[in-house]
PDB file of N, CA and C in Angstrom:
ATOM      1  N   MET A   1      66.856  48.600 -22.704  1.00  0.00           N
ATOM      2  CA  MET A   1      66.426  49.708 -21.507  1.00  0.00           C
ATOM      3  C   MET A   1      65.799  48.688 -20.722  1.00  0.00           C
ATOM      4  N   PHE A   2      65.080  47.843 -20.836  1.00  0.00           N
ATOM      5  CA  PHE A   2      64.799  46.984 -19.349  1.00  0.00           C
ATOM      6  C   PHE A   2      65.278  46.254 -18.836  1.00  0.00           C
ATOM      7  N   ARG A   3      66.843  46.490 -19.271  1.00  0.00           N
ATOM      8  CA  ARG A   3      68.746  45.525 -18.804  1.00  0.00           C
ATOM      9  C   ARG A   3      69.136  46.268 -17.413  1.00  0.00           C
ATOM     10  N   ARG A   4      69.383  47.532 -18.124  1.00  0.00           N
ATOM     11  CA  ARG A   4      69.492  48.650 -17.768  1.00  0.00           C
ATOM     12  C   ARG A   4      68.079  49.190 -16.271  1.00  0.00           C
ATOM     13  N   THR A   5      66.425  49.066 -16.084  1.00  0.00           N
ATOM     14  CA  THR A   5      66.671  49.149 -15.429  1.00  0.00           C
ATOM     15  C   THR A   5      66.562  48.312 -14.264  1.00  0.00           C
ATOM     16  N   PHE A   6      66.656  47.111 -14.383  1.00  0.00           N
ATOM     17  CA  PHE A   6      66.639  45.805 -13.702  1.00  0.00           C
ATOM     18  C   PHE A   6      68.416  46.023 -12.979  1.00  0.00           C
ATOM     19  N   TRP A   7      69.198  46.180 -13.629  1.00  0.00           N
ATOM     20  CA  TRP A   7      70.091  46.281 -13.128  1.00  0.00           C
ATOM     21  C   TRP A   7      70.794  47.791 -11.837  1.00  0.00           C
ATOM     22  N   PHE A   8      69.959  49.141 -12.472  1.00  0.00           N
ATOM     23  CA  PHE A   8      70.074  50.035 -11.343  1.00  0.00           C
ATOM     24  C   PHE A   8      69.215  49.407  -9.831  1.00  0.00           C
ATOM     25  N   THR A   9      68.150  49.062 -10.056  1.00  0.00           N
ATOM     26  CA  THR A   9      67.054  48.753  -9.504  1.00  0.00           C
ATOM     27  C   THR A   9      67.694  47.887  -8.680  1.00  0.00           C
ATOM     28  N   ALA A  10      68.672  46.962  -9.166  1.00  0.00           N
ATOM     29  CA  ALA A  10      69.420  46.025  -8.172  1.00  0.00           C
ATOM     30  C   ALA A  10      70.261  46.293  -7.445  1.00  0.00           C
ATOM     31  N   GLY A  11      71.048  46.780  -8.521  1.00  0.00           N
ATOM     32  CA  GLY A  11      72.116  47.866  -7.190  1.00  0.00           C
ATOM     33  C   GLY A  11      71.752  48.863  -6.280  1.00  0.00           C
ATOM     34  N   ALA A  12      70.347  49.404  -6.767  1.00  0.00           N
ATOM     35  CA  ALA A  12      70.200  50.412  -5.497  1.00  0.00           C
ATOM     36  C   ALA A  12      69.520  49.036  -4.394  1.00  0.00           C
ATOM     37  N   ALA A  13      68.780  48.326  -4.664  1.00  0.00           N
ATOM     38  CA  ALA A  13      68.060  47.177  -3.749  1.00  0.00           C
ATOM     39  C   ALA A  13      69.464  46.730  -2.563  1.00  0.00           C
ATOM     40  N   ALA A  14      70.075  46.834  -3.966  1.00  0.00           N
ATOM     41  CA  ALA A  14      72.100  46.129  -3.114  1.00  0.00           C
ATOM     42  C   ALA A  14      72.282  47.335  -1.989  1.00  0.00           C
ATOM     43  N   GLY A  15      72.181  48.651  -2.180  1.00  0.00           N
ATOM     44  CA  GLY A  15      73.287  48.985  -1.620  1.00  0.00           C
ATOM     45  C   GLY A  15      72.088  49.944  -0.256  1.00  0.00           C
ATOM     46  N   VAL A  16      70.818  49.811  -0.711  1.00  0.00           N
ATOM     47  CA  VAL A  16      69.652  49.791   0.305  1.00  0.00           C
ATOM     48  C   VAL A  16      70.224  48.788   1.795  1.00  0.00           C
ATOM     49  N   TRP A  17      69.992  47.450   1.531  1.00  0.00           N
ATOM     50  CA  TRP A  17      70.876  46.457   1.916  1.00  0.00           C
ATOM     51  C   TRP A  17      71.677  46.664   2.885  1.00  0.00           C
ATOM     52  N   ALA A  18      72.741  46.663   2.106  1.00  0.00           N
ATOM     53  CA  ALA A  18      74.217  46.802   2.748  1.00  0.00           C
ATOM     54  C   ALA A  18      74.722  48.002   3.902  1.00  0.00           C
ATOM     55  N   THR A  19      73.635  49.222   3.308  1.00  0.00           N
ATOM     56  CA  THR A  19      73.224  49.881   4.279  1.00  0.00           C
ATOM     57  C   THR A  19      72.820  50.360   5.354  1.00  0.00           C
ATOM     58  N   THR A  20      71.847  48.918   5.510  1.00  0.00           N
ATOM     59  CA  THR A  20      70.411  48.854   6.580  1.00  0.00           C
ATOM     60  C   THR A  20      71.910  47.642   7.832  1.00  0.00           C
ATOM     61  N   LYS A  21      72.510  46.956   7.455  1.00  0.00           N
ATOM     62  CA  LYS A  21      72.713  45.394   7.527  1.00  0.00           C
ATOM     63  C   LYS A  21      74.099  46.300   9.013  1.00  0.00           C
ATOM     64  N   VAL A  22      75.289  47.408   7.871  1.00  0.00           N
ATOM     65  CA  VAL A  22      76.434  48.274   8.467  1.00  0.00           C
ATOM     66  C   VAL A  22      75.369  49.190   9.334  1.00  0.00           C
ATOM     67  N   ASN A  23      74.854  50.033   9.586  1.00  0.00           N
ATOM     68  CA  ASN A  23      74.270  50.678  10.263  1.00  0.00           C
ATOM     69  C   ASN A  23      74.026  49.768  11.890  1.00  0.00           C
ATOM     70  N   ARG A  24      73.086  48.681  11.657  1.00  0.00           N
ATOM     71  CA  ARG A  24      72.753  48.040  12.429  1.00  0.00           C
ATOM     72  C   ARG A  24      73.422  47.420  13.080  1.00  0.00           C
ATOM     73  N   LYS A  25      74.442  46.910  12.562  1.00  0.00           N
ATOM     74  CA  LYS A  25      75.867  46.465  12.818  1.00  0.00           C
ATOM     75  C   LYS A  25      77.074  47.896  13.808  1.00  0.00           C
ATOM     76  N   ILE A  26      77.027  48.778  13.885  1.00  0.00           N
ATOM     77  CA  ILE A  26      77.941  50.458  14.379  1.00  0.00           C
ATOM     78  C   ILE A  26      77.134  50.172  15.089  1.00  0.00           C
ATOM     79  N   LYS A  27      75.351  50.575  15.519  1.00  0.00           N
ATOM     80  CA  LYS A  27      73.910  50.533  16.615  1.00  0.00           C
ATOM     81  C   LYS A  27      75.157  49.436  17.760  1.00  0.00           C
ATOM     82  N   GLN A  28      75.575  48.092  17.347  1.00  0.00           N
ATOM     83  CA  GLN A  28      75.281  46.772  18.027  1.00  0.00           C
ATOM     84  C   GLN A  28      76.525  47.061  19.104  1.00  0.00           C
ATOM     85  N   LEU A  29      77.565  48.226  17.957  1.00  0.00           N
ATOM     86  CA  LEU A  29      78.755  48.009  18.620  1.00  0.00           C
ATOM     87  C   LEU A  29      79.136  49.160  19.320  1.00  0.00           C
ATOM     88  N   THR A  30      78.554  50.234  19.706  1.00  0.00           N
ATOM     89  CA  THR A  30      78.082  51.366  20.970  1.00  0.00           C
ATOM     90  C   THR A  30      78.715  51.148  21.686  1.00  0.00           C
ATOM     91  N   PRO A  31      79.028  51.861  22.756  1.00  0.00           N
ATOM     92  CA  PRO A  31      79.074  51.716  24.070  1.00  0.00           C
ATOM     93  C   PRO A  31      78.476  50.674  25.073  1.00  0.00           C
ATOM     94  N   GLU A  32      76.767  51.843  24.991  1.00  0.00           N
ATOM     95  CA  GLU A  32      75.403  51.528  25.422  1.00  0.00           C
ATOM     96  C   GLU A  32      74.894  50.313  25.220  1.00  0.00           C
ATOM     97  N   SER A  33      75.295  49.750  24.149  1.00  0.00           N
ATOM     98  CA  SER A  33      74.811  48.678  23.423  1.00  0.00           C
ATOM     99  C   SER A  33      75.314  47.849  23.647  1.00  0.00           C
ATOM    100  N   LEU A  34      77.135  47.753  23.877  1.00  0.00           N
ATOM    101  CA  LEU A  34      77.807  46.963  24.834  1.00  0.00           C
ATOM    102  C   LEU A  34      77.866  46.342  25.599  1.00  0.00           C
ATOM    103  N   ALA A  35      77.072  47.415  26.907  1.00  0.00           N
ATOM    104  CA  ALA A  35      76.743  47.142  28.428  1.00  0.00           C
ATOM    105  C   ALA A  35      75.872  47.059  28.739  1.00  0.00           C
ATOM    106  N   ALA A  36      74.852  46.945  27.588  1.00  0.00           N
ATOM    107  CA  ALA A  36      73.647  46.481  28.411  1.00  0.00           C
ATOM    108  C   ALA A  36      73.096  44.849  27.809  1.00  0.00           C
ATOM    109  N   GLN A  37      74.632  44.280  26.230  1.00  0.00           N
ATOM    110  CA  GLN A  37      74.530  43.296  26.244  1.00  0.00           C
ATOM    111  C   GLN A  37      75.532  42.517  27.733  1.00  0.00           C
ATOM    112  N   ALA A  38      76.592  42.891  27.586  1.00  0.00           N
ATOM    113  CA  ALA A  38      77.346  42.342  28.869  1.00  0.00           C
ATOM    114  C   ALA A  38      75.985  42.328  30.211  1.00  0.00           C
ATOM    115  N   ALA A  39      75.640  43.412  30.185  1.00  0.00           N
ATOM    116  CA  ALA A  39      74.463  42.922  31.508  1.00  0.00           C
ATOM    117  C   ALA A  39      73.244  42.348  31.431  1.00  0.00           C
ATOM    118  N   ASP A  40      73.033  42.025  30.451  1.00  0.00           N
ATOM    119  CA  ASP A  40      72.238  40.781  30.117  1.00  0.00           C
ATOM    120  C   ASP A  40      72.310  39.476  30.058  1.00  0.00           C
ATOM    121  N   LYS A  41      73.934  39.143  29.676  1.00  0.00           N
ATOM    122  CA  LYS A  41      74.776  38.152  29.546  1.00  0.00           C
ATOM    123  C   LYS A  41      75.207  37.861  30.998  1.00  0.00           C
ATOM    124  N   ALA A  42      75.162  38.663  31.893  1.00  0.00           N
ATOM    125  CA  ALA A  42      75.385  38.688  33.172  1.00  0.00           C
ATOM    126  C   ALA A  42      74.436  37.609  34.302  1.00  0.00           C
ATOM    127  N   LEU A  43      73.153  38.544  34.152  1.00  0.00           N
ATOM    128  CA  LEU A  43      71.749  38.391  34.494  1.00  0.00           C
ATOM    129  C   LEU A  43      70.977  36.821  33.990  1.00  0.00           C
ATOM    130  N   GLU A  44      71.520  36.701  32.861  1.00  0.00           N
ATOM    131  CA  GLU A  44      71.117  35.469  32.099  1.00  0.00           C
ATOM    132  C   GLU A  44      72.000  34.023  32.761  1.00  0.00           C
ATOM    133  N   THR A  45      73.632  34.509  32.872  1.00  0.00           N
ATOM    134  CA  THR A  45      74.284  33.647  33.626  1.00  0.00           C
ATOM    135  C   THR A  45      73.980  33.359  35.369  1.00  0.00           C
ATOM    136  N   GLY A  46      73.304  34.497  35.578  1.00  0.00           N
ATOM    137  CA  GLY A  46      73.387  34.311  37.391  1.00  0.00           C
ATOM    138  C   GLY A  46      72.123  33.683  37.362  1.00  0.00           C
ATOM    139  N   HIS A  47      70.788  33.438  36.428  1.00  0.00           N
ATOM    140  CA  HIS A  47      69.461  33.123  36.883  1.00  0.00           C
ATOM    141  C   HIS A  47      70.336  31.404  36.827  1.00  0.00           C
ATOM    142  N   ARG A  48      70.877  31.144  35.775  1.00  0.00           N
ATOM    143  CA  ARG A  48      71.415  29.972  35.530  1.00  0.00           C
ATOM    144  C   ARG A  48      72.662  28.719  36.161  1.00  0.00           C
ATOM    145  N   LEU A  49      73.080  29.986  37.200  1.00  0.00           N
ATOM    146  CA  LEU A  49      73.909  29.799  38.372  1.00  0.00           C
ATOM    147  C   LEU A  49      73.386  29.261  39.325  1.00  0.00           C
ATOM    148  N   LYS A  50      71.957  29.922  39.838  1.00  0.00           N
ATOM    149  CA  LYS A  50      70.325  29.839  40.862  1.00  0.00           C
ATOM    150  C   LYS A  50      70.062  28.517  40.491  1.00  0.00           C
ATOM    151  N   ASP A  51      69.291  28.335  39.019  1.00  0.00           N
ATOM    152  CA  ASP A  51      69.023  27.086  38.938  1.00  0.00           C
ATOM    153  C   ASP A  51      69.839  25.455  38.904  1.00  0.00           C
ATOM    154  N   PHE A  52      71.102  25.964  39.265  1.00  0.00           N
ATOM    155  CA  PHE A  52      71.918  24.453  38.729  1.00  0.00           C
ATOM    156  C   PHE A  52      71.812  24.103  40.241  1.00  0.00           C
ATOM    157  N   ALA A  53      72.339  25.581  41.139  1.00  0.00           N
ATOM    158  CA  ALA A  53      72.840  25.281  42.591  1.00  0.00           C
ATOM    159  C   ALA A  53      71.209  24.455  43.297  1.00  0.00           C
ATOM    160  N   LEU A  54      70.080  25.381  42.762  1.00  0.00           N
ATOM    161  CA  LEU A  54      69.089  24.505  42.791  1.00  0.00           C
ATOM    162  C   LEU A  54      68.923  23.364  42.782  1.00  0.00           C
ATOM    163  N   ASP A  55      69.164  23.042  41.772  1.00  0.00           N
ATOM    164  CA  ASP A  55      69.111  21.452  40.952  1.00  0.00           C
ATOM    165  C   ASP A  55      69.954  20.473  41.937  1.00  0.00           C
ATOM    166  N   VAL A  56      71.116  20.839  42.491  1.00  0.00           N
ATOM    167  CA  VAL A  56      72.275  20.688  42.797  1.00  0.00           C
ATOM    168  C   VAL A  56      71.214  20.285  44.753  1.00  0.00           C
ATOM    169  N   ARG A  57      70.738  21.416  45.612  1.00  0.00           N
ATOM    170  CA  ARG A  57      70.422  20.968  46.369  1.00  0.00           C
ATOM    171  C   ARG A  57      69.118  20.196  46.693  1.00  0.00           C
ATOM    172  N   ASP A  58      68.432  19.565  45.417  1.00  0.00           N
ATOM    173  CA  ASP A  58      67.564  18.934  44.977  1.00  0.00           C
ATOM    174  C   ASP A  58      67.945  17.914  45.247  1.00  0.00           C
ATOM    175  N   GLY A  59      68.884  17.474  44.414  1.00  0.00           N
ATOM    176  CA  GLY A  59      69.310  16.249  44.156  1.00  0.00           C
ATOM    177  C   GLY A  59      70.022  15.827  45.607  1.00  0.00           C
ATOM    178  N   MET A  60      70.417  16.967  46.202  1.00  0.00           N
ATOM    179  CA  MET A  60      71.553  16.710  47.647  1.00  0.00           C
ATOM    180  C   MET A  60      70.010  15.969  49.342  1.00  0.00           C
ATOM    181  N   VAL A  61      69.351  16.537  48.580  1.00  0.00           N
ATOM    182  CA  VAL A  61      67.840  16.448  49.199  1.00  0.00           C
ATOM    183  C   VAL A  61      67.226  14.480  49.159  1.00  0.00           C
ATOM    184  N   ARG A  62      67.242  14.519  47.978  1.00  0.00           N
ATOM    185  CA  ARG A  62      65.610  13.289  47.770  1.00  0.00           C
ATOM    186  C   ARG A  62      67.679  11.895  47.671  1.00  0.00           C
ATOM    187  N   ARG A  63      68.541  12.735  47.318  1.00  0.00           N
ATOM    188  CA  ARG A  63      69.959  11.205  47.990  1.00  0.00           C
ATOM    189  C   ARG A  63      70.027  10.712  49.287  1.00  0.00           C
ATOM    190  N   GLU A  64      70.026  11.804  50.170  1.00  0.00           N
ATOM    191  CA  GLU A  64      69.780  12.105  51.777  1.00  0.00           C
ATOM    192  C   GLU A  64      68.805  11.540  52.143  1.00  0.00           C
ATOM    193  N   ALA A  65      67.839  11.415  51.128  1.00  0.00           N
ATOM    194  CA  ALA A  65      66.902  10.510  52.016  1.00  0.00           C
ATOM    195  C   ALA A  65      66.407   9.216  51.423  1.00  0.00           C
ATOM    196  N   GLU A  66      67.490   9.128  50.482  1.00  0.00           N
ATOM    197  CA  GLU A  66      67.448   7.130  49.729  1.00  0.00           C
ATOM    198  C   GLU A  66      68.445   6.866  50.863  1.00  0.00           C
ATOM    199  N   LEU A  67      69.649   7.736  50.978  1.00  0.00           N
ATOM    200  CA  LEU A  67      70.439   7.080  52.243  1.00  0.00           C
ATOM    201  C   LEU A  67      70.134   6.692  52.922  1.00  0.00           C
ATOM    202  N   GLY A  68      68.950   7.345  53.843  1.00  0.00           N
ATOM    203  CA  GLY A  68      69.033   7.626  55.262  1.00  0.00           C
ATOM    204  C   GLY A  68      67.374   6.765  54.902  1.00  0.00           C
ATOM    205  N   GLY A  69      67.007   6.323  54.326  1.00  0.00           N
ATOM    206  CA  GLY A  69      66.438   5.184  54.372  1.00  0.00           C
ATOM    207  C   GLY A  69      66.260   3.792  54.622  1.00  0.00           C
ATOM    208  N   ALA A  70      67.893   3.827  53.199  1.00  0.00           N
ATOM    209  CA  ALA A  70      68.807   2.707  53.301  1.00  0.00           C
ATOM    210  C   ALA A  70      69.424   1.886  54.691  1.00  0.00           C
ATOM    211  N   LEU A  71      69.803   3.127  55.136  1.00  0.00           N
ATOM    212  CA  LEU A  71      70.298   2.922  56.617  1.00  0.00           C
ATOM    213  C   LEU A  71      69.590   2.945  58.087  1.00  0.00           C
ATOM    214  N   GLY A  72      67.696   2.962  57.360  1.00  0.00           N
ATOM    215  CA  GLY A  72      67.624   3.037  58.479  1.00  0.00           C
ATOM    216  C   GLY A  72      67.348   4.214  59.563  1.00  0.00           C
ATOM    217  N   LEU A  73      67.957   5.023  59.170  1.00  0.00           N
ATOM    218  CA  LEU A  73      68.252   6.893  60.153  1.00  0.00           C
ATOM    219  C   LEU A  73      66.814   7.091  60.252  1.00  0.00           C
ATOM    220  N   HIS A  74      65.506   6.896  60.325  1.00  0.00           N
ATOM    221  CA  HIS A  74      64.712   7.182  60.260  1.00  0.00           C
ATOM    222  C   HIS A  74      63.615   6.466  60.582  1.00  0.00           C
ATOM    223  N   ASP A  75      64.026   5.350  60.681  1.00  0.00           N
ATOM    224  CA  ASP A  75      62.577   4.297  61.436  1.00  0.00           C
ATOM    225  C   ASP A  75      62.694   4.340  62.852  1.00  0.00           C
ATOM    226  N   PRO A  76      62.261   4.174  63.608  1.00  0.00           N
ATOM    227  CA  PRO A  76      61.875   4.160  64.993  1.00  0.00           C
ATOM    228  C   PRO A  76      62.440   3.001  65.775  1.00  0.00           C
ATOM    229  N   VAL A  77      63.615   4.750  66.591  1.00  0.00           N
ATOM    230  CA  VAL A  77      64.538   3.225  67.833  1.00  0.00           C
ATOM    231  C   VAL A  77      63.809   1.990  68.301  1.00  0.00           C
ATOM    232  N   ASP A  78      63.951   0.835  68.510  1.00  0.00           N
ATOM    233  CA  ASP A  78      63.680  -0.342  68.637  1.00  0.00           C
ATOM    234  C   ASP A  78      63.969  -0.051  70.249  1.00  0.00           C
ATOM    235  N   ALA A  79      63.262  -0.966  71.070  1.00  0.00           N
ATOM    236  CA  ALA A  79      63.348  -1.343  72.798  1.00  0.00           C
ATOM    237  C   ALA A  79      64.499  -2.392  73.125  1.00  0.00           C
ATOM    238  N   GLY A  80      64.845  -2.506  72.201  1.00  0.00           N
ATOM    239  CA  GLY A  80      66.325  -3.614  72.727  1.00  0.00           C
ATOM    240  C   GLY A  80      67.578  -3.799  71.931  1.00  0.00           C
ATOM    241  N   LEU A  81      67.460  -2.384  71.531  1.00  0.00           N
ATOM    242  CA  LEU A  81      68.271  -1.686  71.131  1.00  0.00           C
ATOM    243  C   LEU A  81      69.375  -1.061  72.365  1.00  0.00           C
ATOM    244  N   PRO A  82      70.723  -0.399  72.482  1.00  0.00           N
ATOM    245  CA  PRO A  82      70.877   0.007  73.088  1.00  0.00           C
ATOM    246  C   PRO A  82      70.860   1.670  73.035  1.00  0.00           C
ATOM    247  N   PRO A  83      71.040   2.750  74.129  1.00  0.00           N
ATOM    248  CA  PRO A  83      70.729   4.225  73.840  1.00  0.00           C
ATOM    249  C   PRO A  83      71.437   5.197  73.068  1.00  0.00           C
ATOM    250  N   ARG A  84      71.071   5.756  72.195  1.00  0.00           N
ATOM    251  CA  ARG A  84      71.389   6.297  71.917  1.00  0.00           C
ATOM    252  C   ARG A  84      72.479   7.110  72.651  1.00  0.00           C
ATOM    253  N   HIS A  85      73.868   7.882  72.792  1.00  0.00           N
ATOM    254  CA  HIS A  85      74.594   8.606  73.437  1.00  0.00           C
ATOM    255  C   HIS A  85      74.478  10.037  72.948  1.00  0.00           C
ATOM    256  N   HIS A  86      74.351  11.259  73.784  1.00  0.00           N
ATOM    257  CA  HIS A  86      74.464  12.133  73.911  1.00  0.00           C
ATOM    258  C   HIS A  86      76.094  12.862  74.121  1.00  0.00           C
ATOM    259  N   LEU A  87      75.995  14.127  73.591  1.00  0.00           N
ATOM    260  CA  LEU A  87      77.498  15.211  73.929  1.00  0.00           C
ATOM    261  C   LEU A  87      76.636  16.328  74.136  1.00  0.00           C
ATOM    262  N   ALA A  88      76.901  16.708  75.667  1.00  0.00           N
ATOM    263  CA  ALA A  88      76.920  18.104  75.947  1.00  0.00           C
ATOM    264  C   ALA A  88      77.988  18.669  74.864  1.00  0.00           C
ATOM    265  N   VAL A  89      76.888  20.424  74.797  1.00  0.00           N
ATOM    266  CA  VAL A  89      77.990  20.855  74.031  1.00  0.00           C
ATOM    267  C   VAL A  89      77.612  22.155  74.685  1.00  0.00           C
ATOM    268  N   GLU A  90      78.454  23.437  75.320  1.00  0.00           N
ATOM    269  CA  GLU A  90      78.802  24.292  75.517  1.00  0.00           C
ATOM    270  C   GLU A  90      79.121  25.170  75.151  1.00  0.00           C
ATOM    271  N   ALA A  91      77.778  26.560  75.061  1.00  0.00           N
ATOM    272  CA  ALA A  91      78.670  27.866  74.352  1.00  0.00           C
ATOM    273  C   ALA A  91      77.712  28.767  74.596  1.00  0.00           C
ATOM    274  N   ALA A  92      78.694  29.792  74.296  1.00  0.00           N
ATOM    275  CA  ALA A  92      78.790  31.373  75.314  1.00  0.00           C
ATOM    276  C   ALA A  92      77.240  31.872  74.419  1.00  0.00           C
ATOM    277  N   ALA A  93      76.370  32.291  75.505  1.00  0.00           N
ATOM    278  CA  ALA A  93      75.024  33.020  75.162  1.00  0.00           C
ATOM    279  C   ALA A  93      75.552  34.233  75.375  1.00  0.00           C
ATOM    280  N   PRO A  94      74.602  35.468  74.525  1.00  0.00           N
ATOM    281  CA  PRO A  94      75.125  36.466  74.440  1.00  0.00           C
ATOM    282  C   PRO A  94      75.178  37.121  76.085  1.00  0.00           C
ATOM    283  N   LEU A  95      75.819  38.382  75.841  1.00  0.00           N
ATOM    284  CA  LEU A  95      75.097  39.621  77.431  1.00  0.00           C
ATOM    285  C   LEU A  95      74.336  39.620  77.664  1.00  0.00           C
ATOM    286  N   GLY A  96      74.248  38.674  79.110  1.00  0.00           N
ATOM    287  CA  GLY A  96      73.018  39.005  79.269  1.00  0.00           C
ATOM    288  C   GLY A  96      72.727  40.898  80.221  1.00  0.00           C
ATOM    289  N   GLU A  97      71.612  40.978  80.304  1.00  0.00           N
ATOM    290  CA  GLU A  97      71.318  42.415  81.185  1.00  0.00           C
ATOM    291  C   GLU A  97      71.974  42.683  81.720  1.00  0.00           C
ATOM    292  N   ALA A  98      72.975  41.510  82.739  1.00  0.00           N
ATOM    293  CA  ALA A  98      73.492  42.321  84.195  1.00  0.00           C
ATOM    294  C   ALA A  98      74.975  42.279  83.646  1.00  0.00           C
ATOM    295  N   GLY A  99      75.230  41.995  82.388  1.00  0.00           N
ATOM    296  CA  GLY A  99      76.385  42.453  81.901  1.00  0.00           C
ATOM    297  C   GLY A  99      76.876  41.313  81.846  1.00  0.00           C
ATOM    298  N   GLY A 100      76.656  40.211  82.169  1.00  0.00           N
ATOM    299  CA  GLY A 100      78.137  39.019  82.694  1.00  0.00           C
ATOM    300  C   GLY A 100      77.754  38.092  81.538  1.00  0.00           C
ATOM    301  N   PRO A 101      78.614  36.790  80.952  1.00  0.00           N
ATOM    302  CA  PRO A 101      78.324  35.764  79.996  1.00  0.00           C
ATOM    303  C   PRO A 101      77.037  34.604  80.497  1.00  0.00           C
ATOM    304  N   HIS A 102      76.313  34.200  79.855  1.00  0.00           N
ATOM    305  CA  HIS A 102      74.965  33.106  80.749  1.00  0.00           C
ATOM    306  C   HIS A 102      75.428  32.318  79.378  1.00  0.00           C
ATOM    307  N   ARG A 103      76.078  31.000  80.440  1.00  0.00           N
ATOM    308  CA  ARG A 103      76.256  29.441  79.426  1.00  0.00           C
ATOM    309  C   ARG A 103      75.043  28.629  78.916  1.00  0.00           C
ATOM    310  N   THR A 104      74.703  28.193  77.946  1.00  0.00           N
ATOM    311  CA  THR A 104      73.532  27.337  77.817  1.00  0.00           C
ATOM    312  C   THR A 104      74.192  25.832  77.439  1.00  0.00           C
ATOM    313  N   THR A 105      73.605  25.116  77.937  1.00  0.00           N
ATOM    314  CA  THR A 105      74.003  23.567  77.272  1.00  0.00           C
ATOM    315  C   THR A 105      73.047  23.570  76.500  1.00  0.00           C
ATOM    316  N   THR A 106      73.100  22.507  75.504  1.00  0.00           N
ATOM    317  CA  THR A 106      72.568  21.783  74.471  1.00  0.00           C
ATOM    318  C   THR A 106      72.940  20.425  73.879  1.00  0.00           C
ATOM    319  N   TYR A 107      72.306  19.595  73.388  1.00  0.00           N
ATOM    320  CA  TYR A 107      72.804  18.235  73.110  1.00  0.00           C
ATOM    321  C   TYR A 107      72.888  18.075  72.182  1.00  0.00           C
ATOM    322  N   ARG A 108      73.562  17.186  71.791  1.00  0.00           N
ATOM    323  CA  ARG A 108      73.846  16.557  70.554  1.00  0.00           C
ATOM    324  C   ARG A 108      73.518  15.593  69.932  1.00  0.00           C
ATOM    325  N   THR A 109      72.563  14.812  69.505  1.00  0.00           N
ATOM    326  CA  THR A 109      72.612  12.877  69.977  1.00  0.00           C
ATOM    327  C   THR A 109      72.818  12.405  68.713  1.00  0.00           C
ATOM    328  N   LEU A 110      74.256  11.763  69.048  1.00  0.00           N
ATOM    329  CA  LEU A 110      75.404  10.761  68.185  1.00  0.00           C
ATOM    330  C   LEU A 110      74.655   9.219  67.811  1.00  0.00           C
ATOM    331  N   PRO A 111      74.986   8.945  66.442  1.00  0.00           N
ATOM    332  CA  PRO A 111      74.537   7.451  66.742  1.00  0.00           C
ATOM    333  C   PRO A 111      75.245   6.598  67.013  1.00  0.00           C
ATOM    334  N   SER A 112      74.135   5.740  67.716  1.00  0.00           N
ATOM    335  CA  SER A 112      74.815   4.548  68.370  1.00  0.00           C
ATOM    336  C   SER A 112      75.683   3.593  67.777  1.00  0.00           C
ATOM    337  N   ASN A 113      76.097   3.513  66.571  1.00  0.00           N
ATOM    338  CA  ASN A 113      77.076   2.900  66.334  1.00  0.00           C
ATOM    339  C   ASN A 113      77.404   3.313  65.592  1.00  0.00           C
ATOM    340  N   SER A 114      79.192   3.565  64.692  1.00  0.00           N
ATOM    341  CA  SER A 114      79.611   4.019  64.526  1.00  0.00           C
ATOM    342  C   SER A 114      80.203   3.387  62.907  1.00  0.00           C
ATOM    343  N   ASN A 115      79.978   4.368  61.553  1.00  0.00           N
ATOM    344  CA  ASN A 115      79.721   4.433  60.608  1.00  0.00           C
ATOM    345  C   ASN A 115      81.521   4.135  59.728  1.00  0.00           C
ATOM    346  N   ASN A 116      82.713   5.028  60.488  1.00  0.00           N
ATOM    347  CA  ASN A 116      83.896   5.610  60.141  1.00  0.00           C
ATOM    348  C   ASN A 116      84.733   4.144  60.086  1.00  0.00           C
ATOM    349  N   ARG A 117      84.869   3.780  58.706  1.00  0.00           N
ATOM    350  CA  ARG A 117      85.962   2.532  58.679  1.00  0.00           C
ATOM    351  C   ARG A 117      87.132   2.804  59.419  1.00  0.00           C
ATOM    352  N   ASN A 118      87.944   4.083  59.737  1.00  0.00           N
ATOM    353  CA  ASN A 118      89.341   4.072  60.347  1.00  0.00           C
ATOM    354  C   ASN A 118      89.361   4.563  61.554  1.00  0.00           C
ATOM    355  N   GLU A 119      88.336   4.204  62.243  1.00  0.00           N
ATOM    356  CA  GLU A 119      88.965   4.426  63.522  1.00  0.00           C
ATOM    357  C   GLU A 119      89.037   3.612  64.421  1.00  0.00           C
ATOM    358  N   ASP A 120      90.057   3.371  65.427  1.00  0.00           N
ATOM    359  CA  ASP A 120      90.557   2.684  65.906  1.00  0.00           C
ATOM    360  C   ASP A 120      89.847   1.327  66.244  1.00  0.00           C
ATOM    361  N   HIS A 121      90.133  -0.075  66.050  1.00  0.00           N
ATOM    362  CA  HIS A 121      89.142  -1.304  66.725  1.00  0.00           C
ATOM    363  C   HIS A 121      89.697  -1.536  67.936  1.00  0.00           C
TER     364      HIS A 121
END
């Protein structure tokens, strides 16, 4: 009699466990649940991409500073060196109040020596 009670209880427990597991899986496969899971994955991927982009940007800034220091780009200009060349660039500004375009001239500073190895010498 004890054996029958043991097996009956074990079978009932296995049935409850299996039913619970199947119901949980069915709820996971409903369209609403699948849509929520997809949205969560998309948000997670977006956060990872943003973190990756920020890491790349930090690395670029750090490396740019290292290269600038190695090339002496941030050092003060020595009086004995030739002056830097300036390149004038004209750009059309938005239309003024009179209706005509106004031109503005901006200057970009070019390095005094070029590191381009492909230019003609």
